[in-house]
Protein backbone atom coordinates (compact mmCIF):
# COMPACT_ATOMS: atom_id res chain seq x y z
CA UNK A 1 82.54 120.55 97.30
CA UNK A 2 85.89 121.37 98.87
CA UNK A 3 89.28 122.04 97.33
CA UNK A 4 92.63 120.44 98.14
CA UNK A 5 95.61 122.10 96.48
CA UNK A 6 99.13 120.69 96.47
CA UNK A 7 102.24 120.52 94.30
CA UNK A 8 103.93 117.46 95.80
CA UNK A 9 104.68 114.36 93.74
CA UNK A 10 106.05 112.44 96.73
CA UNK A 11 104.36 108.98 96.76
CA UNK A 12 104.10 108.89 100.56
CA UNK A 13 102.38 112.26 100.77
CA UNK A 14 100.07 111.44 97.86
CA UNK A 15 99.13 108.17 99.59
CA UNK A 16 98.25 110.15 102.72
CA UNK A 17 96.21 112.74 100.79
CA UNK A 18 94.25 110.05 98.95
CA UNK A 19 93.69 108.15 102.19
CA UNK A 20 92.23 111.26 103.79
CA UNK A 21 89.91 111.88 100.84
CA UNK A 22 88.72 108.26 100.68
CA UNK A 23 88.22 107.84 104.42
CA UNK A 24 86.65 111.24 105.14
CA UNK A 25 84.06 110.77 102.39
CA UNK A 26 84.01 114.47 101.56
CA UNK A 27 83.52 115.64 97.95
CA UNK A 28 86.85 117.08 96.80
CA UNK A 29 88.19 118.88 93.77
CA UNK A 30 91.96 118.98 93.29
CA UNK A 31 93.78 122.29 92.73
CA UNK A 32 90.58 124.25 92.14
CA UNK A 33 90.72 128.00 91.50
CA UNK A 34 87.20 128.55 92.85
CA UNK A 35 87.57 131.17 95.61
CA UNK A 36 84.24 130.45 97.34
CA UNK A 37 85.15 126.86 98.23
CA UNK A 38 86.79 126.06 101.58
CA UNK A 39 90.33 125.24 100.50
CA UNK A 40 93.01 123.00 101.99
CA UNK A 41 96.37 124.34 100.81
CA UNK A 42 99.27 121.93 101.26
CA UNK A 43 102.54 123.69 100.61
CA UNK A 44 100.69 126.22 98.42
CA UNK A 45 98.86 129.50 98.95
CA UNK A 46 95.83 129.39 96.68
CA UNK A 47 93.51 132.39 97.03
CA UNK A 48 90.25 131.48 98.77
CA UNK A 49 87.65 133.08 101.01
CA UNK A 50 88.63 130.53 103.66
CA UNK A 51 91.68 128.28 103.63
CA UNK A 52 93.33 125.66 105.81
CA UNK A 53 97.07 126.05 105.21
CA UNK A 54 99.24 123.01 105.98
CA UNK A 55 103.01 123.35 106.22
CA UNK A 56 105.02 121.11 103.89
CA UNK A 57 108.29 120.01 105.50
CA UNK A 58 110.93 117.34 104.97
CA UNK A 59 112.06 117.22 108.60
CA UNK A 60 111.21 114.11 110.62
CA UNK A 61 112.97 112.81 113.72
CA UNK A 62 112.32 110.46 116.58
CA UNK A 63 109.15 111.39 118.39
CA UNK A 64 109.71 114.99 119.44
CA UNK A 65 106.60 115.73 121.49
CA UNK A 66 102.83 115.61 121.53
CA UNK A 67 99.88 117.53 120.12
CA UNK A 68 97.19 118.59 122.58
CA UNK A 69 93.80 119.04 120.93
CA UNK A 70 90.41 119.11 122.68
CA UNK A 71 91.88 117.49 125.78
CA UNK A 72 93.44 114.65 123.75
CA UNK A 73 97.16 114.13 123.22
CA UNK A 74 98.88 112.22 120.43
CA UNK A 75 102.48 111.95 119.21
CA UNK A 76 104.29 114.15 116.71
CA UNK A 77 107.55 113.23 114.96
CA UNK A 78 108.28 116.82 113.93
CA UNK A 79 109.09 120.12 115.61
CA UNK A 80 106.24 122.34 114.35
CA UNK A 81 106.33 126.03 113.62
CA UNK A 82 104.68 128.40 116.06
CA UNK A 83 101.39 129.63 114.56
CA UNK A 84 100.20 132.16 117.13
CA UNK A 85 99.91 135.88 116.45
CA UNK A 86 97.91 138.73 117.95
CA UNK A 87 94.86 138.23 115.71
CA UNK A 88 94.13 134.53 116.00
CA UNK A 89 92.83 131.88 118.36
CA UNK A 90 94.55 128.65 119.35
CA UNK A 91 93.17 125.30 118.13
CA UNK A 92 95.99 122.94 119.19
CA UNK A 93 99.29 123.17 121.05
CA UNK A 94 102.65 121.40 120.80
CA UNK A 95 104.19 120.11 124.03
CA UNK A 96 107.75 118.82 124.45
CA UNK A 97 109.33 118.86 127.88
CA UNK A 98 108.98 122.37 129.26
CA UNK A 99 108.08 123.83 125.87
CA UNK A 100 104.47 124.54 124.98
CA UNK A 101 103.26 126.72 122.12
CA UNK A 102 100.45 126.89 119.51
CA UNK A 103 100.94 124.76 116.41
CA UNK A 104 97.44 125.19 114.92
CA UNK A 105 95.72 128.58 115.03
CA UNK A 106 92.68 130.23 113.46
CA UNK A 107 92.41 133.75 112.07
CA UNK A 108 89.47 135.48 110.36
CA UNK A 109 89.70 133.66 107.05
CA UNK A 110 92.26 130.90 107.53
CA UNK A 111 93.61 128.18 109.79
CA UNK A 112 97.37 127.62 109.95
CA UNK A 113 98.73 124.11 110.66
CA UNK A 114 102.40 124.45 111.56
CA UNK A 115 103.55 120.91 110.74
CA UNK A 116 103.38 118.51 107.81
CA UNK A 117 100.16 116.68 108.60
CA UNK A 118 100.17 114.56 105.44
CA UNK A 119 103.77 113.45 105.85
CA UNK A 120 102.97 112.52 109.45
CA UNK A 121 99.90 110.44 108.58
CA UNK A 122 101.67 108.85 105.62
CA UNK A 123 104.60 107.73 107.76
CA UNK A 124 102.37 106.30 110.49
CA UNK A 125 99.90 104.60 108.14
CA UNK A 126 102.66 102.97 106.10
CA UNK A 127 104.48 101.65 109.17
CA UNK A 128 107.54 103.82 108.54
CA UNK A 129 107.95 104.58 112.24
CA UNK A 130 108.12 100.90 113.16
CA UNK A 131 111.47 99.15 113.33
CA UNK A 132 112.21 96.76 110.42
CA UNK A 133 111.75 93.67 112.59
CA UNK A 134 108.39 95.04 113.72
CA UNK A 135 107.17 95.51 110.16
CA UNK A 136 107.98 91.87 109.41
CA UNK A 137 105.53 90.97 112.16
CA UNK A 138 108.10 89.08 114.23
CA UNK A 139 107.78 91.47 117.17
CA UNK A 140 104.94 93.92 116.49
CA UNK A 141 106.19 96.20 119.26
CA UNK A 142 103.68 99.01 119.82
CA UNK A 143 105.33 102.17 118.51
CA UNK A 144 102.13 103.97 119.41
CA UNK A 145 98.92 102.79 121.00
CA UNK A 146 96.78 105.77 120.03
CA UNK A 147 94.93 106.08 116.70
CA UNK A 148 97.11 109.08 115.81
CA UNK A 149 96.23 109.03 112.10
CA UNK A 150 92.54 109.28 112.97
CA UNK A 151 93.17 112.17 115.37
CA UNK A 152 95.11 114.10 112.73
CA UNK A 153 92.48 113.52 110.07
CA UNK A 154 89.61 114.31 112.43
CA UNK A 155 91.39 117.55 113.28
CA UNK A 156 91.60 118.43 109.57
CA UNK A 157 87.92 117.62 109.01
CA UNK A 158 86.97 119.92 111.88
CA UNK A 159 89.06 122.68 110.31
CA UNK A 160 87.08 122.25 107.07
CA UNK A 161 83.81 122.35 109.02
CA UNK A 162 84.95 125.64 110.59
CA UNK A 163 85.50 126.99 107.08
CA UNK A 164 82.03 125.90 105.97
CA UNK A 165 80.47 127.64 108.95
CA UNK A 166 82.47 130.79 108.29
CA UNK A 167 81.24 130.83 104.68
CA UNK A 168 77.66 129.75 105.64
CA UNK A 169 77.99 126.63 103.49
CA UNK A 170 76.69 123.12 104.24
CA UNK A 171 79.25 120.48 105.15
CA UNK A 172 78.52 117.08 103.63
CA UNK A 173 80.27 113.75 103.67
CA UNK A 174 79.50 110.08 103.23
CA UNK A 175 78.61 108.59 106.61
CA UNK A 176 81.24 106.32 108.07
CA UNK A 177 78.56 103.75 108.92
CA UNK A 178 74.98 103.02 107.83
CA UNK A 179 71.67 103.49 109.66
CA UNK A 180 72.88 106.47 111.69
CA UNK A 181 75.21 104.29 113.77
CA UNK A 182 77.90 106.13 115.74
CA UNK A 183 80.64 103.53 115.25
CA UNK A 184 81.08 99.93 114.16
CA UNK A 185 82.06 96.75 115.98
CA UNK A 186 83.38 93.67 114.21
CA UNK A 187 83.09 90.58 116.42
CA UNK A 188 85.62 87.87 115.55
CA UNK A 189 86.75 84.48 116.84
CA UNK A 190 89.93 82.63 115.84
CA UNK A 191 89.14 78.91 115.90
CA UNK A 192 92.61 77.55 116.65
CA UNK A 193 91.51 74.26 118.17
CA UNK A 194 88.58 72.13 119.20
CA UNK A 195 90.30 70.15 121.94
CA UNK A 196 92.81 70.92 124.64
CA UNK A 197 96.11 69.15 123.86
CA UNK A 198 99.58 70.42 124.75
CA UNK A 199 98.02 72.90 127.18
CA UNK A 200 97.43 70.00 129.62
CA UNK A 201 101.20 70.23 130.24
CA UNK A 202 102.05 73.88 129.64
CA UNK A 203 99.28 75.52 131.67
CA UNK A 204 99.80 73.61 134.96
CA UNK A 205 103.56 74.15 134.67
CA UNK A 206 103.04 77.85 134.06
CA UNK A 207 100.75 78.10 137.09
CA UNK A 208 103.33 76.32 139.26
CA UNK A 209 106.12 78.58 138.04
CA UNK A 210 104.09 81.68 138.95
CA UNK A 211 102.94 80.24 142.26
CA UNK A 212 99.35 80.67 141.07
CA UNK A 213 97.75 77.83 142.99
CA UNK A 214 94.19 78.88 142.15
CA UNK A 215 94.94 78.44 138.45
CA UNK A 216 96.61 75.13 139.19
CA UNK A 217 93.52 74.01 141.09
CA UNK A 218 91.33 75.04 138.15
CA UNK A 219 93.55 73.07 135.75
CA UNK A 220 93.08 69.97 137.88
CA UNK A 221 89.31 70.57 137.96
CA UNK A 222 89.31 71.01 134.19
CA UNK A 223 91.10 67.68 133.78
CA UNK A 224 88.50 66.03 136.00
CA UNK A 225 85.75 67.48 133.76
CA UNK A 226 87.58 66.06 130.75
CA UNK A 227 87.53 62.60 132.31
CA UNK A 228 83.79 63.06 132.85
CA UNK A 229 83.37 63.74 129.12
CA UNK A 230 83.33 67.56 128.98
CA UNK A 231 85.88 68.99 126.53
CA UNK A 232 87.13 72.28 128.09
CA UNK A 233 87.84 74.04 124.79
CA UNK A 234 84.57 73.12 123.07
CA UNK A 235 82.56 76.20 124.05
CA UNK A 236 80.77 76.83 120.77
CA UNK A 237 77.32 75.98 122.10
CA UNK A 238 77.62 78.56 124.89
CA UNK A 239 79.11 81.13 122.52
CA UNK A 240 76.41 80.71 119.88
CA UNK A 241 73.68 80.87 122.53
CA UNK A 242 75.14 84.07 123.98
CA UNK A 243 75.32 85.76 120.56
CA UNK A 244 71.82 84.60 119.65
CA UNK A 245 70.42 86.07 122.87
CA UNK A 246 72.21 89.36 122.16
CA UNK A 247 71.03 89.39 118.54
CA UNK A 248 74.52 89.70 117.03
CA UNK A 249 76.49 87.88 114.35
CA UNK A 250 80.23 87.36 114.22
CA UNK A 251 83.10 86.03 112.10
CA UNK A 252 84.76 82.67 112.80
CA UNK A 253 88.19 82.16 111.24
CA UNK A 254 89.16 78.46 111.07
CA UNK A 255 92.77 77.32 111.34
CA UNK A 256 94.11 74.46 109.21
CA UNK A 257 97.63 74.07 110.59
CA UNK A 258 99.85 72.11 108.22
CA UNK A 259 103.24 73.06 109.69
CA UNK A 260 104.81 70.07 111.40
CA UNK A 261 106.53 70.83 114.68
CA UNK A 262 109.09 68.75 116.52
CA UNK A 263 107.53 66.82 119.39
CA UNK A 264 110.59 67.26 121.63
CA UNK A 265 110.59 71.04 121.13
CA UNK A 266 107.95 72.67 123.39
CA UNK A 267 107.99 75.89 121.37
CA UNK A 268 106.56 73.90 118.45
CA UNK A 269 103.82 72.14 120.41
CA UNK A 270 101.25 74.76 119.42
CA UNK A 271 101.63 73.62 115.81
CA UNK A 272 101.38 69.93 116.64
CA UNK A 273 98.36 70.46 118.87
CA UNK A 274 96.51 72.36 116.17
CA UNK A 275 97.18 70.03 113.26
CA UNK A 276 93.56 68.92 113.19
CA UNK A 277 91.39 67.77 110.31
CA UNK A 278 88.61 70.18 109.36
CA UNK A 279 86.85 67.40 107.43
CA UNK A 280 85.86 65.54 110.58
CA UNK A 281 82.06 65.26 110.84
CA UNK A 282 81.78 67.26 114.08
CA UNK A 283 83.82 70.12 112.58
CA UNK A 284 81.80 70.14 109.37
CA UNK A 285 78.62 70.23 111.43
CA UNK A 286 79.96 73.12 113.51
CA UNK A 287 80.75 75.13 110.40
CA UNK A 288 77.29 74.35 109.03
CA UNK A 289 75.58 75.42 112.27
CA UNK A 290 77.56 78.66 112.49
CA UNK A 291 76.84 79.53 108.88
CA UNK A 292 73.11 78.77 109.14
CA UNK A 293 72.94 81.06 112.18
CA UNK A 294 74.09 83.95 109.98
CA UNK A 295 77.73 84.05 111.03
CA UNK A 296 80.66 84.48 108.66
CA UNK A 297 83.15 81.67 108.05
CA UNK A 298 86.69 82.80 107.26
CA UNK A 299 90.21 81.41 107.08
CA UNK A 300 92.75 81.62 109.90
CA UNK A 301 95.96 81.35 107.89
CA UNK A 302 98.40 78.80 109.33
CA UNK A 303 101.72 79.67 110.96
CA UNK A 304 103.77 79.94 107.76
CA UNK A 305 101.04 80.85 105.28
CA UNK A 306 101.64 84.59 105.74
CA UNK A 307 104.40 84.49 103.13
CA UNK A 308 103.40 81.44 101.10
CA UNK A 309 100.58 82.12 98.61
CA UNK A 310 100.19 78.45 97.66
CA UNK A 311 99.56 77.34 101.26
CA UNK A 312 97.15 80.21 101.80
CA UNK A 313 95.20 79.46 98.63
CA UNK A 314 94.89 75.75 99.46
CA UNK A 315 93.60 76.52 102.96
CA UNK A 316 91.03 78.96 101.62
CA UNK A 317 89.91 76.41 99.01
CA UNK A 318 89.55 73.68 101.65
CA UNK A 319 87.39 75.80 103.94
CA UNK A 320 85.27 76.90 100.97
CA UNK A 321 84.72 73.26 100.03
CA UNK A 322 83.69 72.38 103.59
CA UNK A 323 81.46 75.41 104.13
CA UNK A 324 79.95 75.41 100.66
CA UNK A 325 80.32 79.19 100.47
CA UNK A 326 82.89 81.68 99.23
CA UNK A 327 85.46 82.83 101.79
CA UNK A 328 86.12 86.58 101.90
CA UNK A 329 88.08 87.27 105.09
CA UNK A 330 91.24 86.18 106.86
CA UNK A 331 93.26 86.65 109.99
CA UNK A 332 96.78 85.25 110.02
CA UNK A 333 97.59 82.88 112.89
CA UNK A 334 99.58 84.57 115.67
CA UNK A 335 99.13 87.81 113.69
CA UNK A 336 102.13 86.82 111.55
CA UNK A 337 102.71 89.35 108.79
CA UNK A 338 105.45 90.15 106.31
CA UNK A 339 104.38 93.59 105.11
CA UNK A 340 103.46 94.04 102.30
CA UNK A 341 104.07 90.48 101.05
CA UNK A 342 101.33 88.99 103.24
CA UNK A 343 98.70 91.29 101.72
CA UNK A 344 99.88 90.31 98.22
CA UNK A 345 99.57 86.61 99.12
CA UNK A 346 96.04 87.23 100.37
CA UNK A 347 95.07 89.02 97.16
CA UNK A 348 96.42 86.10 95.11
CA UNK A 349 94.25 83.78 97.21
CA UNK A 350 91.18 85.79 96.22
CA UNK A 351 90.42 87.35 99.62
CA UNK A 352 88.50 90.60 100.12
CA UNK A 353 89.80 91.70 103.50
CA UNK A 354 92.37 91.00 106.21
CA UNK A 355 92.19 91.66 109.95
CA UNK A 356 95.69 90.68 111.11
CA UNK A 357 97.16 94.14 111.66
CA UNK A 358 97.41 94.36 115.42
CA UNK A 359 99.73 93.88 118.36
CA UNK A 360 100.60 90.40 119.57
CA UNK A 361 99.41 89.33 122.99
CA UNK A 362 102.66 90.16 124.80
CA UNK A 363 102.32 93.85 123.94
CA UNK A 364 98.72 94.55 124.85
CA UNK A 365 95.99 96.26 122.89
CA UNK A 366 96.15 99.39 120.77
CA UNK A 367 95.99 100.83 117.29
CA UNK A 368 98.79 99.60 115.06
CA UNK A 369 99.50 101.90 112.12
CA UNK A 370 97.62 104.56 114.08
CA UNK A 371 94.06 103.90 112.91
CA UNK A 372 90.78 102.30 113.94
CA UNK A 373 89.29 102.51 110.43
CA UNK A 374 89.38 100.10 107.48
CA UNK A 375 91.93 101.17 104.87
CA UNK A 376 93.72 100.06 101.74
CA UNK A 377 97.39 99.64 102.72
CA UNK A 378 100.47 100.85 100.87
CA UNK A 379 102.89 98.70 98.92
CA UNK A 380 106.66 99.12 98.76
CA UNK A 381 106.31 101.99 96.30
CA UNK A 382 103.42 103.54 98.25
CA UNK A 383 100.93 102.29 95.68
CA UNK A 384 97.53 101.19 96.97
CA UNK A 385 97.19 97.46 97.65
CA UNK A 386 93.69 96.30 96.79
CA UNK A 387 92.83 94.35 99.89
CA UNK A 388 90.94 96.03 102.70
CA UNK A 389 92.73 95.99 106.04
CA UNK A 390 90.52 96.07 109.14
CA UNK A 391 92.92 96.63 112.06
CA UNK A 392 92.63 94.54 115.20
CA UNK A 393 92.54 96.72 118.31
CA UNK A 394 91.21 94.50 121.11
CA UNK A 395 92.12 90.90 121.96
CA UNK A 396 91.04 88.81 124.95
CA UNK A 397 94.39 87.31 125.96
CA UNK A 398 96.09 90.73 125.80
CA UNK A 399 93.93 92.13 128.60
CA UNK A 400 95.42 92.62 132.06
CA UNK A 401 93.92 90.50 134.85
CA UNK A 402 90.98 91.41 137.04
CA UNK A 403 89.17 94.73 136.91
CA UNK A 404 91.99 96.32 134.91
CA UNK A 405 90.98 94.11 132.00
CA UNK A 406 87.49 95.57 131.84
CA UNK A 407 88.89 99.09 132.25
CA UNK A 408 91.04 98.44 129.18
CA UNK A 409 87.97 97.27 127.22
CA UNK A 410 86.11 100.46 128.15
CA UNK A 411 89.12 102.59 127.15
CA UNK A 412 89.32 101.03 123.70
CA UNK A 413 85.56 101.27 123.14
CA UNK A 414 85.49 104.94 124.19
CA UNK A 415 88.40 105.82 121.91
CA UNK A 416 86.75 104.20 118.89
CA UNK A 417 83.36 105.73 119.72
CA UNK A 418 84.83 109.24 119.96
CA UNK A 419 86.34 108.85 116.49
CA UNK A 420 83.28 107.09 114.96
CA UNK A 421 85.67 104.30 114.01
CA UNK A 422 85.74 100.50 113.85
CA UNK A 423 86.40 98.29 116.87
CA UNK A 424 87.62 94.88 115.76
CA UNK A 425 87.50 92.55 118.75
CA UNK A 426 89.00 89.05 118.93
CA UNK A 427 87.72 86.54 121.50
CA UNK A 428 89.00 82.96 121.23
CA UNK A 429 86.36 80.27 121.90
CA UNK A 430 88.32 78.57 124.75
CA UNK A 431 88.14 81.72 126.92
CA UNK A 432 84.42 81.11 127.35
CA UNK A 433 85.46 78.30 129.70
CA UNK A 434 85.09 80.25 132.95
CA UNK A 435 87.04 77.69 134.94
CA UNK A 436 90.25 78.25 133.00
CA UNK A 437 89.64 81.85 131.90
CA UNK A 438 87.79 83.74 134.63
CA UNK A 439 86.24 87.04 133.52
CA UNK A 440 87.08 86.90 129.79
CA UNK A 441 83.84 85.29 128.62
CA UNK A 442 81.84 87.70 130.77
CA UNK A 443 83.81 90.66 129.39
CA UNK A 444 82.71 89.67 125.88
CA UNK A 445 79.04 89.71 126.85
CA UNK A 446 79.47 93.07 128.58
CA UNK A 447 81.32 94.45 125.55
CA UNK A 448 78.46 93.50 123.23
CA UNK A 449 75.84 94.96 125.57
CA UNK A 450 77.75 98.22 126.11
CA UNK A 451 78.29 98.75 122.38
CA UNK A 452 74.61 98.10 121.69
CA UNK A 453 73.72 100.75 124.27
CA UNK A 454 76.08 103.16 122.50
CA UNK A 455 74.30 102.71 119.13
CA UNK A 456 77.10 100.77 117.46
CA UNK A 457 76.68 98.79 114.26
CA UNK A 458 77.69 95.28 115.39
CA UNK A 459 78.23 92.80 112.60
CA UNK A 460 80.62 90.47 110.77
CA UNK A 461 83.87 91.28 109.03
CA UNK A 462 82.30 90.60 105.65
CA UNK A 463 79.46 93.06 106.27
CA UNK A 464 81.93 95.74 107.37
CA UNK A 465 84.18 95.17 104.36
CA UNK A 466 81.29 95.12 101.87
CA UNK A 467 79.88 98.36 103.31
CA UNK A 468 83.26 100.11 103.18
CA UNK A 469 83.90 99.02 99.59
CA UNK A 470 80.44 100.18 98.45
CA UNK A 471 80.89 103.44 100.36
CA UNK A 472 84.17 103.99 98.51
CA UNK A 473 82.36 103.73 95.17
CA UNK A 474 79.55 106.17 96.02
CA UNK A 475 79.64 109.96 95.59
CA UNK A 476 77.80 112.82 97.29
CA UNK A 477 77.60 116.61 97.00
CA UNK A 478 75.44 119.42 98.38
CA UNK A 479 74.72 122.98 97.22
CA UNK A 480 72.78 125.61 99.17
CA UNK A 481 70.31 127.58 97.06
CA UNK A 482 68.40 130.12 99.11
CA UNK A 483 66.08 128.27 101.49
CA UNK A 484 66.90 124.83 100.16
CA UNK A 485 69.81 122.44 99.89
CA UNK A 486 70.21 120.38 96.73
CA UNK A 487 71.83 117.02 97.46
CA UNK A 488 73.20 114.78 94.72
CA UNK A 489 74.39 111.23 95.25
CA UNK A 490 75.29 108.12 93.30
CA UNK A 491 75.90 104.54 94.34
CA UNK A 492 74.79 100.96 93.85
CA UNK A 493 72.91 100.82 97.15
CA UNK A 494 71.39 103.12 99.71
CA UNK A 495 73.59 106.13 100.39
CA UNK A 496 74.04 107.46 103.91
CA UNK A 497 75.34 110.98 104.41
CA UNK A 498 76.20 113.35 107.24
CA UNK A 499 75.15 116.97 106.74
CA UNK A 500 75.90 120.04 108.86
CA UNK A 501 73.93 123.20 108.14
CA UNK A 502 75.27 126.23 110.05
CA UNK A 503 72.64 128.40 111.73
CA UNK A 504 69.71 126.75 109.97
CA UNK A 505 66.69 124.68 110.97
CA UNK A 506 65.52 121.71 108.96
CA UNK A 507 61.92 121.49 107.81
CA UNK A 508 61.44 118.60 105.41
CA UNK A 509 62.36 116.84 102.20
CA UNK A 510 60.16 117.75 99.25
CA UNK A 511 59.76 114.10 98.26
CA UNK A 512 59.84 110.73 99.98
CA UNK A 513 63.30 110.34 98.52
CA UNK A 514 65.25 110.43 101.75
CA UNK A 515 64.79 110.28 105.48
CA UNK A 516 66.56 111.87 108.42
CA UNK A 517 67.69 109.03 110.68
CA UNK A 518 69.56 111.11 113.26
CA UNK A 519 69.51 114.80 114.14
CA UNK A 520 71.71 116.67 116.61
CA UNK A 521 72.04 120.49 116.70
CA UNK A 522 71.98 120.99 112.96
CA UNK A 523 74.03 117.86 112.27
CA UNK A 524 72.04 115.26 110.35
CA UNK A 525 72.47 111.67 109.29
CA UNK A 526 70.42 111.06 106.17
CA UNK A 527 69.48 107.88 104.31
CA UNK A 528 69.02 108.41 100.58
CA UNK A 529 66.89 105.59 99.21
CA UNK A 530 68.51 103.43 96.55
CA UNK A 531 65.83 103.46 93.85
CA UNK A 532 66.10 107.22 93.34
CA UNK A 533 69.61 107.86 94.58
CA UNK A 534 70.72 109.31 91.23
CA UNK A 535 68.16 112.13 91.41
CA UNK A 536 68.45 115.48 93.14
CA UNK A 537 67.21 115.53 96.73
CA UNK A 538 65.71 118.83 97.89
CA UNK A 539 65.96 119.62 101.61
CA UNK A 540 63.99 122.70 102.68
CA UNK A 541 65.50 124.82 105.46
CA UNK A 542 64.65 127.96 107.39
């Protein structure tokens, strides 16, 4: 158990504190007076044998500089206090222009954080640093590409771990992901269309305008294939075969566009071209085949559904009727969002999770709202909105051409892996046509293979959301008693925990009540079996 002490009643800061507690999965008591617990003091100075003291400040400006921590840099919208003195060691430094000084330092029994970490994470995670037109989703300009919230919170967790080691106490938390997996990957596909329509005009013209004669040649070849009976955008057979061979499942979000465009206005052609009927026999059969293969069927909300709950509900109901199964997940078409109204519309439609929070294709890939983890977003009054957001961080058509595209994929994967986060990847079915989209289909296969090699949990959006919701409801704690650790847990299903025991060696569990599924230098991932998860688990140590 760990203590977090604060006096603030500011909704933004409280949202950030609660987000940290929920996401980190650590057992916390609020404003405890127990001196032997590692304590996080936010704007207070509670007496403790080891404390992490976080400055509380009301000063925010445009981005002032960066934090450098373990070779990583991320932005800071404050000018922090200098924390160095003659008796401490430096954990992180602040850099702005020619200035560089310690902003997080460790002494014998405390760590000083010289900026308002919770105000910073609250502002980023609520979108406060985005311009108003960005928050509406009309531009989605990337204010920051790094998962800054995750870096700040990871930094705080490591400070707590330092305190546990100093006090010779075990550090315990709920695992981010089950089965000892290092990070999670959610594979998704937006099914915008089944046939190539307006693109027969727009793509050749675009190639001509750019002087890209290879693309123009490929467009002509694609048209020839169409005449021969091969639909260029129907790639589902290849996609399903590839995923079956890799042993993965994914989520397919189906678009039912009901917005009528003007035929003489090219900017509206995308709506006209995608006004298809999902009740056609070949579409119904596709949905049936995907579902029977273990994939998730979701809704891809139409162009204007992001702020119209009636349209959204009718589209969800239609896809449920066609699929014969309940629909849990959504991604809004073109990533259109009116925050927080879109989330409220999705809740009214009966959806469990959304995965629309990302940057539109013109602005590349990155981590909007500064996180690569699922989270419950904030409403206008900073109250928690009860729909799980699973941010989109990687999209096929946002990748740069050639080898730089694969380098970008590797960068995103490595960032998420380092943080033990969630990589939500979007690959549209048409890009598996190698003639029109060289490299992109191959990048998807390489992405899946690389993540499998890195011990990622690769699954559907529904599985990710269900796990995160069940994780949120479970509880864990650990107490060291001589040569044993007593672990308590509760939850509806199996409970997975991470445990760090400073300076100790693990021997065994006294009962077959749990199993160690990963071990690394005193850091364990443990699976507590469901049927006895409400009982004490005894772990013997030496």
